[in-house]
Amino acid sequence: MHVFAKLVDVSPDGRAAMLLRGQSSVKTPGDGAQTVELYLGHTGYRVEDGHRLRLQIASIYFPLYVDLPCHG
């Protein structure tokens, strides 16, 4: 399984600009919750008045990342 995350700046009018993104692979999920570490990189960014930061988490990132099945 894969985990993808994006940190996004959302302006008051709803426009969104991606600031950072990262991904990680997770071994077969167990029966319970798992902790996953994602490296998003470093940045220096000033959040303007009225803007919000949004963290988007997903298990798919199409079309930038396509996980094709392996055929043995």
Protein backbone atom coordinates (compact mmCIF):
# COMPACT_ATOMS: atom_id res chain seq x y z
CA MET A 1 0.00 0.00 0.00
CA HIS A 2 1.17 3.54 -0.65
CA VAL A 3 0.50 6.74 1.26
CA PHE A 4 0.71 10.15 -0.40
CA ALA A 5 0.53 13.54 1.30
CA LYS A 6 0.39 17.11 0.03
CA LEU A 7 0.64 20.34 2.01
CA VAL A 8 -1.51 22.97 0.32
CA ASP A 9 -2.03 26.72 0.82
CA VAL A 10 -5.73 27.57 0.46
CA SER A 11 -6.61 31.21 -0.19
CA PRO A 12 -9.85 32.82 1.07
CA ASP A 13 -11.40 32.56 -2.42
CA GLY A 14 -10.78 28.78 -2.48
CA ARG A 15 -7.75 28.69 -4.77
CA ALA A 16 -5.20 26.12 -3.69
CA ALA A 17 -1.47 25.95 -4.31
CA MET A 18 0.58 22.86 -3.50
CA LEU A 19 3.61 23.63 -1.34
CA LEU A 20 5.12 20.20 -0.65
CA ARG A 21 4.41 16.56 -1.39
CA GLY A 22 5.74 13.22 -0.24
CA GLN A 23 5.05 9.52 -0.42
CA SER A 24 5.82 6.33 1.42
CA SER A 25 5.21 2.62 0.98
CA VAL A 26 3.57 0.69 3.78
CA LYS A 27 4.00 -3.03 4.20
CA THR A 28 0.86 -5.13 4.23
CA PRO A 29 -1.56 -3.36 6.56
CA GLY A 30 -2.16 -5.16 9.83
CA ASP A 31 -5.29 -5.42 11.89
CA GLY A 32 -4.69 -2.14 13.67
CA ALA A 33 -3.45 1.38 13.03
CA GLN A 34 0.07 1.98 11.81
CA THR A 35 2.34 4.98 12.08
CA VAL A 36 3.69 6.17 8.74
CA GLU A 37 6.46 8.74 8.31
CA LEU A 38 6.43 10.87 5.17
CA TYR A 39 9.24 13.20 4.20
CA LEU A 40 7.80 16.33 2.59
CA GLY A 41 11.06 18.20 2.26
CA HIS A 42 12.02 21.61 3.61
CA THR A 43 10.52 24.95 2.79
CA GLY A 44 10.34 28.50 3.95
CA TYR A 45 6.86 29.87 3.39
CA ARG A 46 4.79 32.71 4.81
CA VAL A 47 1.08 31.99 5.16
CA GLU A 48 -0.80 35.15 4.23
CA ASP A 49 -3.63 36.53 6.37
CA GLY A 50 -6.86 34.66 5.70
CA HIS A 51 -5.10 31.68 4.11
CA ARG A 52 -5.21 28.17 5.55
CA LEU A 53 -2.92 25.18 5.33
CA ARG A 54 -4.50 21.90 4.23
CA LEU A 55 -2.90 18.47 4.55
CA GLN A 56 -4.25 16.05 1.95
CA ILE A 57 -3.64 12.33 2.55
CA ALA A 58 -4.45 9.67 -0.05
CA SER A 59 -3.61 6.11 -1.02
CA ILE A 60 -3.49 6.88 -4.74
CA TYR A 61 -1.91 9.73 -6.74
CA PHE A 62 -3.14 9.24 -10.30
CA PRO A 63 -1.89 10.14 -12.89
CA LEU A 64 1.49 11.11 -11.37
CA TYR A 65 1.98 7.72 -9.76
CA VAL A 66 0.51 4.55 -11.26
CA ASP A 67 1.08 1.32 -9.38
CA LEU A 68 1.00 -1.32 -12.09
CA PRO A 69 0.53 -4.91 -10.99
CA CYS A 70 3.48 -7.25 -11.49
CA HIS A 71 2.86 -10.25 -13.68
CA GLY A 72 5.13 -13.15 -12.77
